[in-house]
């Protein structure tokens, strides 16, 4: 059970890092689209 909980925590941390990395990329894409229009 402890291994399962550790894996879940790792997945949650990876998801959080992915979200933090993805948000600026979306903002940059949004700005590029905004400037093009």
C-alpha atoms as a PDB file:
ATOM      1  CA  UNK A   1       0.000   0.000   0.000  1.00  0.00           C
ATOM      2  CA  UNK A   2       2.803   2.438   0.825  1.00  0.00           C
ATOM      3  CA  UNK A   3       4.304   1.933  -2.639  1.00  0.00           C
ATOM      4  CA  UNK A   4       0.940   2.671  -4.220  1.00  0.00           C
ATOM      5  CA  UNK A   5       0.604   5.886  -2.218  1.00  0.00           C
ATOM      6  CA  UNK A   6       4.126   6.940  -3.209  1.00  0.00           C
ATOM      7  CA  UNK A   7       3.312   6.316  -6.866  1.00  0.00           C
ATOM      8  CA  UNK A   8       0.135   8.384  -6.574  1.00  0.00           C
ATOM      9  CA  UNK A   9       2.103  11.241  -5.001  1.00  0.00           C
ATOM     10  CA  UNK A  10       4.672  11.057  -7.806  1.00  0.00           C
ATOM     11  CA  UNK A  11       1.906  11.179 -10.416  1.00  0.00           C
ATOM     12  CA  UNK A  12       0.321  14.166  -8.679  1.00  0.00           C
ATOM     13  CA  UNK A  13       3.676  16.007  -8.549  1.00  0.00           C
ATOM     14  CA  UNK A  14       4.343  15.234 -12.218  1.00  0.00           C
ATOM     15  CA  UNK A  15       0.869  16.493 -13.124  1.00  0.00           C
ATOM     16  CA  UNK A  16       1.425  19.680 -11.122  1.00  0.00           C
ATOM     17  CA  UNK A  17       4.762  20.298 -12.856  1.00  0.00           C
ATOM     18  CA  UNK A  18       3.165  19.621 -16.235  1.00  0.00           C
ATOM     19  CA  UNK A  19       0.374  22.097 -15.485  1.00  0.00           C
ATOM     20  CA  UNK A  20       2.882  24.763 -14.382  1.00  0.00           C
ATOM     21  CA  UNK A  21       4.838  24.237 -17.602  1.00  0.00           C
ATOM     22  CA  UNK A  22       1.730  24.113 -19.784  1.00  0.00           C
ATOM     23  CA  UNK A  23       0.070  27.302 -18.505  1.00  0.00           C
ATOM     24  CA  UNK A  24       2.831  29.704 -19.707  1.00  0.00           C
ATOM     25  CA  UNK A  25       2.922  27.892 -23.067  1.00  0.00           C
ATOM     26  CA  UNK A  26      -0.814  28.432 -23.472  1.00  0.00           C
ATOM     27  CA  UNK A  27      -0.467  32.095 -22.482  1.00  0.00           C
ATOM     28  CA  UNK A  28       2.354  32.564 -25.000  1.00  0.00           C
ATOM     29  CA  UNK A  29       0.287  30.872 -27.723  1.00  0.00           C
ATOM     30  CA  UNK A  30      -2.689  33.026 -26.787  1.00  0.00           C
ATOM     31  CA  UNK A  31      -0.587  36.194 -27.057  1.00  0.00           C
ATOM     32  CA  UNK A  32       0.813  35.135 -30.432  1.00  0.00           C
ATOM     33  CA  UNK A  33      -2.700  34.498 -31.722  1.00  0.00           C
ATOM     34  CA  UNK A  34      -3.864  37.799 -30.233  1.00  0.00           C
ATOM     35  CA  UNK A  35      -1.033  39.727 -31.878  1.00  0.00           C
ATOM     36  CA  UNK A  36      -1.673  38.052 -35.227  1.00  0.00           C
ATOM     37  CA  UNK A  37      -5.329  39.100 -35.183  1.00  0.00           C
END
